[in-house]
Amino acid sequence: MQSYRSGVVLVLAAGVVWSLMGLMIRLIDDADTWQILFYRSAGMAPVLALFVTFRSGGRPLQRLRQVGWTGVAGGVSLVVAFAGTIFAIQATTIANAVFLFSAAPFLTAVLAWLVLRERVRPATWLAIAIAVFGVIVMVREGLAVGAGWANAAALVSALGFAAFTVALRWGKLDDMMPAVFLGALFSMAVAALVLWLRQASLAVSLHDGLLAMAIGAGLLALGMVCYTLGSRSIPAAETTLLSLVEVLLAPIWVWLVLGEGASAGTFAGGAIVLVAVAVNAVSGARANPAG
């Protein structure tokens, strides 16, 4: 049986791996959002297929059928989340994007309350109010400097991840990986369709194509595997807290490698959001000490 310590290490490893994604997307030269989405998903899908095959004892199709329509809904939600992430990272600072992504747990709570009628703890409502204030601080400044669409994309991405989580809860799915695999396939299809409708090409430089596929296979898929395995032995509230390492490290990588900074308003609002996430996670751990 996996130990608590091993679970912590795996979830932290997932956060560290994911934190490199913004930097890697920054290193792509010319590919646009939909081209990156296609090739990143193309790199991610085979790794997830192997993992699902292994976890299912060599019966991946049976595992995919078991997720049903809720798994399909979760996969569609990931298309929105993935595309929004790429656009936001390309259009605004990494710090601004990842701080807004961290609003996902609160959007999940509100969406689960609306759709599934799940009870929201008073401490979570307080954390949501704090987070909304932090988002307003960031978005207000972003609108002033012309980053409104990027901020909107980041929040839509967070909403996509929230919808994915709610879909899994709705279908009572314990294993999210088949739905993530479907999300990768759907992302490839949607990206190809959008490019076709725009009369744009899938062709990108070898550098951009390989880098996007490496992001999918080496960062996104590997992080998903670590997170899935690690979260099995850690309470959900603590998992949320540990995942903050991604939000904290992502701006540091681009500052160290590319010298990219962020405005005071971005960091002020981001700090408020992080405090809200931490408060919610700690209160959740205390409310559910047994996990």
C-alpha atoms as a PDB file:
ATOM      1  CA  MET A   1       0.000   0.000   0.000  1.00  0.00           C
ATOM      2  CA  GLN A   2       1.308   3.453  -0.894  1.00  0.00           C
ATOM      3  CA  SER A   3       2.442   5.549   2.063  1.00  0.00           C
ATOM      4  CA  TYR A   4       1.327   9.103   2.831  1.00  0.00           C
ATOM      5  CA  ARG A   5       4.903  10.326   2.335  1.00  0.00           C
ATOM      6  CA  SER A   6       5.109   8.723  -1.107  1.00  0.00           C
ATOM      7  CA  GLY A   7       1.839  10.384  -2.040  1.00  0.00           C
ATOM      8  CA  VAL A   8       3.159  13.785  -0.979  1.00  0.00           C
ATOM      9  CA  VAL A   9       6.322  13.290  -3.048  1.00  0.00           C
ATOM     10  CA  LEU A  10       4.318  12.278  -6.129  1.00  0.00           C
ATOM     11  CA  VAL A  11       1.895  15.238  -5.899  1.00  0.00           C
ATOM     12  CA  LEU A  12       4.778  17.660  -5.347  1.00  0.00           C
ATOM     13  CA  ALA A  13       6.578  16.122  -8.337  1.00  0.00           C
ATOM     14  CA  ALA A  14       3.464  16.700 -10.443  1.00  0.00           C
ATOM     15  CA  GLY A  15       3.373  20.346  -9.398  1.00  0.00           C
ATOM     16  CA  VAL A  16       7.060  20.857 -10.204  1.00  0.00           C
ATOM     17  CA  VAL A  17       6.659  19.215 -13.633  1.00  0.00           C
ATOM     18  CA  TRP A  18       3.548  21.248 -14.478  1.00  0.00           C
ATOM     19  CA  SER A  19       5.243  24.467 -13.360  1.00  0.00           C
ATOM     20  CA  LEU A  20       7.660  24.132 -16.304  1.00  0.00           C
ATOM     21  CA  MET A  21       4.848  24.183 -18.854  1.00  0.00           C
ATOM     22  CA  GLY A  22       4.606  27.966 -19.125  1.00  0.00           C
ATOM     23  CA  LEU A  23       8.330  28.287 -19.745  1.00  0.00           C
ATOM     24  CA  MET A  24       8.269  25.577 -22.411  1.00  0.00           C
ATOM     25  CA  ILE A  25       5.334  27.195 -24.223  1.00  0.00           C
ATOM     26  CA  ARG A  26       7.237  30.491 -24.108  1.00  0.00           C
ATOM     27  CA  LEU A  27      10.105  28.771 -25.972  1.00  0.00           C
ATOM     28  CA  ILE A  28       7.831  27.896 -28.914  1.00  0.00           C
ATOM     29  CA  ASP A  29       8.599  30.260 -31.797  1.00  0.00           C
ATOM     30  CA  ASP A  30       5.680  30.604 -34.210  1.00  0.00           C
ATOM     31  CA  ALA A  31       2.963  27.987 -33.578  1.00  0.00           C
ATOM     32  CA  ASP A  32      -0.394  29.413 -32.509  1.00  0.00           C
ATOM     33  CA  THR A  33      -2.794  28.201 -29.812  1.00  0.00           C
ATOM     34  CA  TRP A  34      -4.538  25.569 -31.949  1.00  0.00           C
ATOM     35  CA  GLN A  35      -1.355  24.187 -33.466  1.00  0.00           C
ATOM     36  CA  ILE A  36       0.202  23.852 -30.015  1.00  0.00           C
ATOM     37  CA  LEU A  37      -2.988  22.239 -28.711  1.00  0.00           C
ATOM     38  CA  PHE A  38      -2.909  19.657 -31.517  1.00  0.00           C
ATOM     39  CA  TYR A  39       0.726  18.653 -31.146  1.00  0.00           C
ATOM     40  CA  ARG A  40       0.748  18.815 -27.358  1.00  0.00           C
ATOM     41  CA  SER A  41      -2.270  16.492 -27.269  1.00  0.00           C
ATOM     42  CA  ALA A  42      -0.638  14.233 -29.854  1.00  0.00           C
ATOM     43  CA  GLY A  43       2.327  13.851 -27.515  1.00  0.00           C
ATOM     44  CA  MET A  44       0.145  13.325 -24.457  1.00  0.00           C
ATOM     45  CA  ALA A  45      -2.303  10.741 -25.863  1.00  0.00           C
ATOM     46  CA  PRO A  46       0.130   7.783 -26.335  1.00  0.00           C
ATOM     47  CA  VAL A  47       1.532   8.150 -22.810  1.00  0.00           C
ATOM     48  CA  LEU A  48      -1.956   8.218 -21.300  1.00  0.00           C
ATOM     49  CA  ALA A  49      -3.019   5.274 -23.484  1.00  0.00           C
ATOM     50  CA  LEU A  50      -0.144   3.201 -22.105  1.00  0.00           C
ATOM     51  CA  PHE A  51      -0.999   4.195 -18.544  1.00  0.00           C
ATOM     52  CA  VAL A  52      -4.699   3.348 -18.963  1.00  0.00           C
ATOM     53  CA  THR A  53      -3.755   0.031 -20.580  1.00  0.00           C
ATOM     54  CA  PHE A  54      -1.477  -0.806 -17.655  1.00  0.00           C
ATOM     55  CA  ARG A  55      -4.018   0.239 -15.005  1.00  0.00           C
ATOM     56  CA  SER A  56      -6.807  -1.731 -16.716  1.00  0.00           C
ATOM     57  CA  GLY A  57      -4.825  -4.972 -16.922  1.00  0.00           C
ATOM     58  CA  GLY A  58      -4.606  -4.799 -20.695  1.00  0.00           C
ATOM     59  CA  ARG A  59      -8.279  -3.861 -21.227  1.00  0.00           C
ATOM     60  CA  PRO A  60      -8.184  -0.148 -22.098  1.00  0.00           C
ATOM     61  CA  LEU A  61     -11.349  -0.163 -24.231  1.00  0.00           C
ATOM     62  CA  GLN A  62     -13.329  -1.649 -21.354  1.00  0.00           C
ATOM     63  CA  ARG A  63     -12.024   1.079 -19.037  1.00  0.00           C
ATOM     64  CA  LEU A  64     -12.939   3.772 -21.587  1.00  0.00           C
ATOM     65  CA  ARG A  65     -16.469   2.390 -21.932  1.00  0.00           C
ATOM     66  CA  GLN A  66     -16.877   2.423 -18.152  1.00  0.00           C
ATOM     67  CA  VAL A  67     -16.475   6.200 -17.938  1.00  0.00           C
ATOM     68  CA  GLY A  68     -19.628   6.664 -20.036  1.00  0.00           C
ATOM     69  CA  TRP A  69     -21.073  10.037 -20.958  1.00  0.00           C
ATOM     70  CA  THR A  70     -19.699  11.703 -17.850  1.00  0.00           C
ATOM     71  CA  GLY A  71     -16.201  10.796 -19.026  1.00  0.00           C
ATOM     72  CA  VAL A  72     -17.021  12.268 -22.424  1.00  0.00           C
ATOM     73  CA  ALA A  73     -18.291  15.452 -20.745  1.00  0.00           C
ATOM     74  CA  GLY A  74     -15.092  15.598 -18.724  1.00  0.00           C
ATOM     75  CA  GLY A  75     -13.013  15.161 -21.876  1.00  0.00           C
ATOM     76  CA  VAL A  76     -14.866  17.989 -23.614  1.00  0.00           C
ATOM     77  CA  SER A  77     -14.301  20.212 -20.564  1.00  0.00           C
ATOM     78  CA  LEU A  78     -10.583  19.557 -20.845  1.00  0.00           C
ATOM     79  CA  VAL A  79     -10.565  20.842 -24.429  1.00  0.00           C
ATOM     80  CA  VAL A  80     -11.743  24.207 -23.085  1.00  0.00           C
ATOM     81  CA  ALA A  81      -9.249  24.057 -20.223  1.00  0.00           C
ATOM     82  CA  PHE A  82      -6.278  23.120 -22.412  1.00  0.00           C
ATOM     83  CA  ALA A  83      -6.997  25.693 -25.123  1.00  0.00           C
ATOM     84  CA  GLY A  84      -7.586  28.464 -22.584  1.00  0.00           C
ATOM     85  CA  THR A  85      -4.338  27.634 -20.829  1.00  0.00           C
ATOM     86  CA  ILE A  86      -2.256  27.874 -23.995  1.00  0.00           C
ATOM     87  CA  PHE A  87      -3.862  31.125 -25.160  1.00  0.00           C
ATOM     88  CA  ALA A  88      -3.488  32.760 -21.735  1.00  0.00           C
ATOM     89  CA  ILE A  89       0.169  31.764 -21.421  1.00  0.00           C
ATOM     90  CA  GLN A  90       0.900  33.148 -24.880  1.00  0.00           C
ATOM     91  CA  ALA A  91      -1.030  36.391 -24.336  1.00  0.00           C
ATOM     92  CA  THR A  92      -0.095  37.478 -20.824  1.00  0.00           C
ATOM     93  CA  THR A  93       2.611  36.983 -18.217  1.00  0.00           C
ATOM     94  CA  ILE A  94       3.056  33.517 -16.738  1.00  0.00           C
ATOM     95  CA  ALA A  95       2.466  34.914 -13.255  1.00  0.00           C
ATOM     96  CA  ASN A  96      -0.848  36.464 -14.270  1.00  0.00           C
ATOM     97  CA  ALA A  97      -2.008  33.276 -16.002  1.00  0.00           C
ATOM     98  CA  VAL A  98      -1.127  30.782 -13.271  1.00  0.00           C
ATOM     99  CA  PHE A  99      -2.516  32.925 -10.460  1.00  0.00           C
ATOM    100  CA  LEU A 100      -5.847  33.033 -12.303  1.00  0.00           C
ATOM    101  CA  PHE A 101      -5.670  29.272 -12.961  1.00  0.00           C
ATOM    102  CA  SER A 102      -5.490  28.771  -9.190  1.00  0.00           C
ATOM    103  CA  ALA A 103      -9.117  29.928  -8.947  1.00  0.00           C
ATOM    104  CA  ALA A 104     -10.166  26.482 -10.239  1.00  0.00           C
ATOM    105  CA  PRO A 105     -10.901  24.953  -6.773  1.00  0.00           C
ATOM    106  CA  PHE A 106     -13.372  27.742  -6.018  1.00  0.00           C
ATOM    107  CA  LEU A 107     -15.058  27.493  -9.395  1.00  0.00           C
ATOM    108  CA  THR A 108     -15.322  23.750  -8.759  1.00  0.00           C
ATOM    109  CA  ALA A 109     -17.029  24.364  -5.414  1.00  0.00           C
ATOM    110  CA  VAL A 110     -19.563  26.780  -6.938  1.00  0.00           C
ATOM    111  CA  LEU A 111     -20.234  24.546  -9.955  1.00  0.00           C
ATOM    112  CA  ALA A 112     -20.673  21.457  -7.757  1.00  0.00           C
ATOM    113  CA  TRP A 113     -23.091  23.442  -5.582  1.00  0.00           C
ATOM    114  CA  LEU A 114     -25.119  24.504  -8.620  1.00  0.00           C
ATOM    115  CA  VAL A 115     -25.077  21.215 -10.539  1.00  0.00           C
ATOM    116  CA  LEU A 116     -24.717  18.505  -7.897  1.00  0.00           C
ATOM    117  CA  ARG A 117     -26.166  20.380  -4.923  1.00  0.00           C
ATOM    118  CA  GLU A 118     -23.022  19.639  -2.942  1.00  0.00           C
ATOM    119  CA  ARG A 119     -22.809  21.552   0.310  1.00  0.00           C
ATOM    120  CA  VAL A 120     -20.186  24.306   0.392  1.00  0.00           C
ATOM    121  CA  ARG A 121     -18.543  24.880   3.773  1.00  0.00           C
ATOM    122  CA  PRO A 122     -18.755  28.412   5.234  1.00  0.00           C
ATOM    123  CA  ALA A 123     -14.943  28.569   5.227  1.00  0.00           C
ATOM    124  CA  THR A 124     -14.984  27.841   1.491  1.00  0.00           C
ATOM    125  CA  TRP A 125     -17.474  30.659   0.830  1.00  0.00           C
ATOM    126  CA  LEU A 126     -15.148  32.986   2.751  1.00  0.00           C
ATOM    127  CA  ALA A 127     -12.167  31.752   0.725  1.00  0.00           C
ATOM    128  CA  ILE A 128     -14.142  32.269  -2.500  1.00  0.00           C
ATOM    129  CA  ALA A 129     -14.892  35.874  -1.511  1.00  0.00           C
ATOM    130  CA  ILE A 130     -11.201  36.475  -0.794  1.00  0.00           C
ATOM    131  CA  ALA A 131     -10.207  34.875  -4.087  1.00  0.00           C
ATOM    132  CA  VAL A 132     -12.720  36.957  -6.060  1.00  0.00           C
ATOM    133  CA  PHE A 133     -11.182  40.089  -4.579  1.00  0.00           C
ATOM    134  CA  GLY A 134      -7.724  38.888  -5.603  1.00  0.00           C
ATOM    135  CA  VAL A 135      -8.915  38.120  -9.137  1.00  0.00           C
ATOM    136  CA  ILE A 136     -10.457  41.592  -9.395  1.00  0.00           C
ATOM    137  CA  VAL A 137      -7.111  43.137  -8.413  1.00  0.00           C
ATOM    138  CA  MET A 138      -5.371  41.227 -11.220  1.00  0.00           C
ATOM    139  CA  VAL A 139      -8.065  41.538 -13.870  1.00  0.00           C
ATOM    140  CA  ARG A 140      -8.556  45.267 -13.282  1.00  0.00           C
ATOM    141  CA  GLU A 141      -4.915  45.960 -14.040  1.00  0.00           C
ATOM    142  CA  GLY A 142      -4.944  43.530 -16.971  1.00  0.00           C
ATOM    143  CA  LEU A 143      -7.837  45.394 -18.556  1.00  0.00           C
ATOM    144  CA  ALA A 144      -5.915  48.633 -18.183  1.00  0.00           C
ATOM    145  CA  VAL A 145      -2.917  47.263 -20.104  1.00  0.00           C
ATOM    146  CA  GLY A 146      -4.920  45.416 -22.762  1.00  0.00           C
ATOM    147  CA  ALA A 147      -4.700  41.884 -21.317  1.00  0.00           C
ATOM    148  CA  GLY A 148      -8.447  41.462 -20.914  1.00  0.00           C
ATOM    149  CA  TRP A 149      -8.770  38.563 -23.373  1.00  0.00           C
ATOM    150  CA  ALA A 150      -5.837  36.761 -21.776  1.00  0.00           C
ATOM    151  CA  ASN A 151      -7.391  37.117 -18.316  1.00  0.00           C
ATOM    152  CA  ALA A 152     -10.716  35.861 -19.669  1.00  0.00           C
ATOM    153  CA  ALA A 153      -8.995  32.867 -21.270  1.00  0.00           C
ATOM    154  CA  ALA A 154      -7.251  32.004 -17.993  1.00  0.00           C
ATOM    155  CA  LEU A 155     -10.536  32.107 -16.086  1.00  0.00           C
ATOM    156  CA  VAL A 156     -12.284  30.063 -18.800  1.00  0.00           C
ATOM    157  CA  SER A 157      -9.472  27.528 -18.514  1.00  0.00           C
ATOM    158  CA  ALA A 158      -9.989  27.343 -14.741  1.00  0.00           C
ATOM    159  CA  LEU A 159     -13.720  26.882 -15.375  1.00  0.00           C
ATOM    160  CA  GLY A 160     -12.935  24.052 -17.801  1.00  0.00           C
ATOM    161  CA  PHE A 161     -10.899  22.240 -15.153  1.00  0.00           C
ATOM    162  CA  ALA A 162     -13.710  22.844 -12.661  1.00  0.00           C
ATOM    163  CA  ALA A 163     -16.257  21.350 -15.076  1.00  0.00           C
ATOM    164  CA  PHE A 164     -13.959  18.353 -15.572  1.00  0.00           C
ATOM    165  CA  THR A 165     -13.832  17.741 -11.819  1.00  0.00           C
ATOM    166  CA  VAL A 166     -17.598  18.097 -11.441  1.00  0.00           C
ATOM    167  CA  ALA A 167     -18.169  15.687 -14.347  1.00  0.00           C
ATOM    168  CA  LEU A 168     -16.045  13.057 -12.585  1.00  0.00           C
ATOM    169  CA  ARG A 169     -18.004  13.583  -9.355  1.00  0.00           C
ATOM    170  CA  TRP A 170     -21.291  13.405 -11.245  1.00  0.00           C
ATOM    171  CA  GLY A 171     -20.356  10.049 -12.721  1.00  0.00           C
ATOM    172  CA  LYS A 172     -18.725   8.892  -9.464  1.00  0.00           C
ATOM    173  CA  LEU A 173     -15.529   8.084 -11.383  1.00  0.00           C
ATOM    174  CA  ASP A 174     -12.550   7.180  -9.230  1.00  0.00           C
ATOM    175  CA  ASP A 175     -10.062   7.045 -12.116  1.00  0.00           C
ATOM    176  CA  MET A 176      -9.734  10.277 -14.090  1.00  0.00           C
ATOM    177  CA  MET A 177      -7.124   9.055 -16.569  1.00  0.00           C
ATOM    178  CA  PRO A 178      -9.517   7.579 -19.191  1.00  0.00           C
ATOM    179  CA  ALA A 179     -11.369  10.918 -19.257  1.00  0.00           C
ATOM    180  CA  VAL A 180      -8.066  12.788 -19.608  1.00  0.00           C
ATOM    181  CA  PHE A 181      -7.144  10.494 -22.501  1.00  0.00           C
ATOM    182  CA  LEU A 182     -10.477  11.316 -24.153  1.00  0.00           C
ATOM    183  CA  GLY A 183      -9.690  14.984 -23.559  1.00  0.00           C
ATOM    184  CA  ALA A 184      -6.426  14.590 -25.471  1.00  0.00           C
ATOM    185  CA  LEU A 185      -8.209  12.931 -28.413  1.00  0.00           C
ATOM    186  CA  PHE A 186     -10.977  15.555 -28.429  1.00  0.00           C
ATOM    187  CA  SER A 187      -8.369  18.335 -28.265  1.00  0.00           C
ATOM    188  CA  MET A 188      -6.636  16.995 -31.367  1.00  0.00           C
ATOM    189  CA  ALA A 189      -9.940  16.798 -33.236  1.00  0.00           C
ATOM    190  CA  VAL A 190     -11.114  20.282 -32.192  1.00  0.00           C
ATOM    191  CA  ALA A 191      -7.746  21.871 -32.941  1.00  0.00           C
ATOM    192  CA  ALA A 192      -7.646  20.289 -36.403  1.00  0.00           C
ATOM    193  CA  LEU A 193     -11.234  21.420 -37.083  1.00  0.00           C
ATOM    194  CA  VAL A 194     -10.567  25.010 -35.988  1.00  0.00           C
ATOM    195  CA  LEU A 195      -7.450  25.192 -38.149  1.00  0.00           C
ATOM    196  CA  TRP A 196      -9.382  23.781 -41.118  1.00  0.00           C
ATOM    197  CA  LEU A 197     -12.233  26.292 -40.656  1.00  0.00           C
ATOM    198  CA  ARG A 198      -9.686  29.102 -40.493  1.00  0.00           C
ATOM    199  CA  GLN A 199      -7.991  27.696 -43.599  1.00  0.00           C
ATOM    200  CA  ALA A 200      -4.803  27.458 -41.543  1.00  0.00           C
ATOM    201  CA  SER A 201      -2.259  24.675 -41.699  1.00  0.00           C
ATOM    202  CA  LEU A 202      -1.251  22.056 -39.176  1.00  0.00           C
ATOM    203  CA  ALA A 203       2.299  22.422 -40.464  1.00  0.00           C
ATOM    204  CA  VAL A 204       4.715  23.948 -37.967  1.00  0.00           C
ATOM    205  CA  SER A 205       8.487  24.029 -37.700  1.00  0.00           C
ATOM    206  CA  LEU A 206      10.222  20.883 -36.478  1.00  0.00           C
ATOM    207  CA  HIS A 207      11.321  22.804 -33.380  1.00  0.00           C
ATOM    208  CA  ASP A 208       7.794  23.899 -32.470  1.00  0.00           C
ATOM    209  CA  GLY A 209       6.197  20.536 -33.233  1.00  0.00           C
ATOM    210  CA  LEU A 210       8.689  18.494 -31.225  1.00  0.00           C
ATOM    211  CA  LEU A 211       8.636  20.948 -28.337  1.00  0.00           C
ATOM    212  CA  ALA A 212       4.823  20.913 -28.180  1.00  0.00           C
ATOM    213  CA  MET A 213       4.777  17.101 -28.255  1.00  0.00           C
ATOM    214  CA  ALA A 214       7.432  16.987 -25.535  1.00  0.00           C
ATOM    215  CA  ILE A 215       5.271  19.283 -23.397  1.00  0.00           C
ATOM    216  CA  GLY A 216       2.356  16.889 -23.824  1.00  0.00           C
ATOM    217  CA  ALA A 217       4.260  13.659 -23.231  1.00  0.00           C
ATOM    218  CA  GLY A 218       6.938  14.764 -20.795  1.00  0.00           C
ATOM    219  CA  LEU A 219       5.193  17.429 -18.725  1.00  0.00           C
ATOM    220  CA  LEU A 220       1.411  17.221 -18.939  1.00  0.00           C
ATOM    221  CA  ALA A 221       1.022  13.430 -19.152  1.00  0.00           C
ATOM    222  CA  LEU A 222       3.825  12.649 -16.693  1.00  0.00           C
ATOM    223  CA  GLY A 223       2.407  15.183 -14.254  1.00  0.00           C
ATOM    224  CA  MET A 224      -1.053  13.634 -14.596  1.00  0.00           C
ATOM    225  CA  VAL A 225       0.337  10.179 -13.831  1.00  0.00           C
ATOM    226  CA  CYS A 226       2.206  11.418 -10.733  1.00  0.00           C
ATOM    227  CA  TYR A 227      -0.817  13.398  -9.529  1.00  0.00           C
ATOM    228  CA  THR A 228      -3.205  10.464 -10.047  1.00  0.00           C
ATOM    229  CA  LEU A 229      -0.974   8.028  -8.179  1.00  0.00           C
ATOM    230  CA  GLY A 230      -0.086  10.459  -5.401  1.00  0.00           C
ATOM    231  CA  SER A 231      -3.600  11.704  -4.700  1.00  0.00           C
ATOM    232  CA  ARG A 232      -4.720   8.177  -3.774  1.00  0.00           C
ATOM    233  CA  SER A 233      -3.093   8.460  -0.331  1.00  0.00           C
ATOM    234  CA  ILE A 234      -3.621  12.173   0.417  1.00  0.00           C
ATOM    235  CA  PRO A 235      -6.831  13.960   1.498  1.00  0.00           C
ATOM    236  CA  ALA A 236      -8.279  16.175  -1.247  1.00  0.00           C
ATOM    237  CA  ALA A 237      -7.809  19.398   0.746  1.00  0.00           C
ATOM    238  CA  GLU A 238      -4.114  18.669   1.264  1.00  0.00           C
ATOM    239  CA  THR A 239      -3.710  17.790  -2.405  1.00  0.00           C
ATOM    240  CA  THR A 240      -4.998  21.241  -3.322  1.00  0.00           C
ATOM    241  CA  LEU A 241      -2.487  22.847  -0.953  1.00  0.00           C
ATOM    242  CA  LEU A 242       0.445  20.797  -2.286  1.00  0.00           C
ATOM    243  CA  SER A 243      -0.458  21.632  -5.878  1.00  0.00           C
ATOM    244  CA  LEU A 244       0.281  25.301  -5.098  1.00  0.00           C
ATOM    245  CA  VAL A 245       3.933  24.508  -5.811  1.00  0.00           C
ATOM    246  CA  GLU A 246       3.026  24.791  -9.509  1.00  0.00           C
ATOM    247  CA  VAL A 247       1.652  28.309  -9.070  1.00  0.00           C
ATOM    248  CA  LEU A 248       4.644  29.413  -7.004  1.00  0.00           C
ATOM    249  CA  LEU A 249       7.347  27.978  -9.278  1.00  0.00           C
ATOM    250  CA  ALA A 250       5.962  28.811 -12.750  1.00  0.00           C
ATOM    251  CA  PRO A 251       6.766  32.566 -12.594  1.00  0.00           C
ATOM    252  CA  ILE A 252      10.205  31.797 -11.137  1.00  0.00           C
ATOM    253  CA  TRP A 253      11.250  29.606 -14.094  1.00  0.00           C
ATOM    254  CA  VAL A 254      10.408  32.261 -16.703  1.00  0.00           C
ATOM    255  CA  TRP A 255      12.109  34.948 -14.593  1.00  0.00           C
ATOM    256  CA  LEU A 256      15.289  32.883 -14.247  1.00  0.00           C
ATOM    257  CA  VAL A 257      15.454  31.758 -17.898  1.00  0.00           C
ATOM    258  CA  LEU A 258      13.783  34.584 -19.843  1.00  0.00           C
ATOM    259  CA  GLY A 259      13.867  37.491 -17.419  1.00  0.00           C
ATOM    260  CA  GLU A 260      10.063  37.809 -17.541  1.00  0.00           C
ATOM    261  CA  GLY A 261       8.580  39.646 -14.612  1.00  0.00           C
ATOM    262  CA  ALA A 262       5.078  40.751 -13.698  1.00  0.00           C
ATOM    263  CA  SER A 263       3.407  43.860 -12.349  1.00  0.00           C
ATOM    264  CA  ALA A 264       2.929  44.658  -8.691  1.00  0.00           C
ATOM    265  CA  GLY A 265      -0.834  44.322  -9.151  1.00  0.00           C
ATOM    266  CA  THR A 266      -0.428  40.799 -10.537  1.00  0.00           C
ATOM    267  CA  PHE A 267       1.627  39.670  -7.560  1.00  0.00           C
ATOM    268  CA  ALA A 268      -0.641  41.445  -5.064  1.00  0.00           C
ATOM    269  CA  GLY A 269      -3.774  39.877  -6.508  1.00  0.00           C
ATOM    270  CA  GLY A 270      -2.024  36.530  -6.898  1.00  0.00           C
ATOM    271  CA  ALA A 271      -0.942  36.573  -3.262  1.00  0.00           C
ATOM    272  CA  ILE A 272      -4.548  37.176  -2.214  1.00  0.00           C
ATOM    273  CA  VAL A 273      -5.737  34.236  -4.325  1.00  0.00           C
ATOM    274  CA  LEU A 274      -3.019  31.970  -2.909  1.00  0.00           C
ATOM    275  CA  VAL A 275      -3.999  32.937   0.642  1.00  0.00           C
ATOM    276  CA  ALA A 276      -7.595  32.029  -0.189  1.00  0.00           C
ATOM    277  CA  VAL A 277      -6.558  28.652  -1.625  1.00  0.00           C
ATOM    278  CA  ALA A 278      -4.385  27.920   1.423  1.00  0.00           C
ATOM    279  CA  VAL A 279      -7.128  28.917   3.872  1.00  0.00           C
ATOM    280  CA  ASN A 280      -9.622  26.684   2.079  1.00  0.00           C
ATOM    281  CA  ALA A 281      -7.233  23.727   1.961  1.00  0.00           C
ATOM    282  CA  VAL A 282      -6.203  23.986   5.623  1.00  0.00           C
ATOM    283  CA  SER A 283      -9.806  24.356   6.800  1.00  0.00           C
ATOM    284  CA  GLY A 284     -10.762  21.398   4.644  1.00  0.00           C
ATOM    285  CA  ALA A 285      -8.024  19.268   6.196  1.00  0.00           C
ATOM    286  CA  ARG A 286      -9.244  20.174   9.677  1.00  0.00           C
ATOM    287  CA  ALA A 287     -12.862  19.464   8.767  1.00  0.00           C
ATOM    288  CA  ASN A 288     -11.904  16.042   7.365  1.00  0.00           C
ATOM    289  CA  PRO A 289      -8.951  14.884   9.482  1.00  0.00           C
ATOM    290  CA  ALA A 290      -9.272  11.291   8.320  1.00  0.00           C
ATOM    291  CA  GLY A 291      -9.065  12.354   4.646  1.00  0.00           C
END
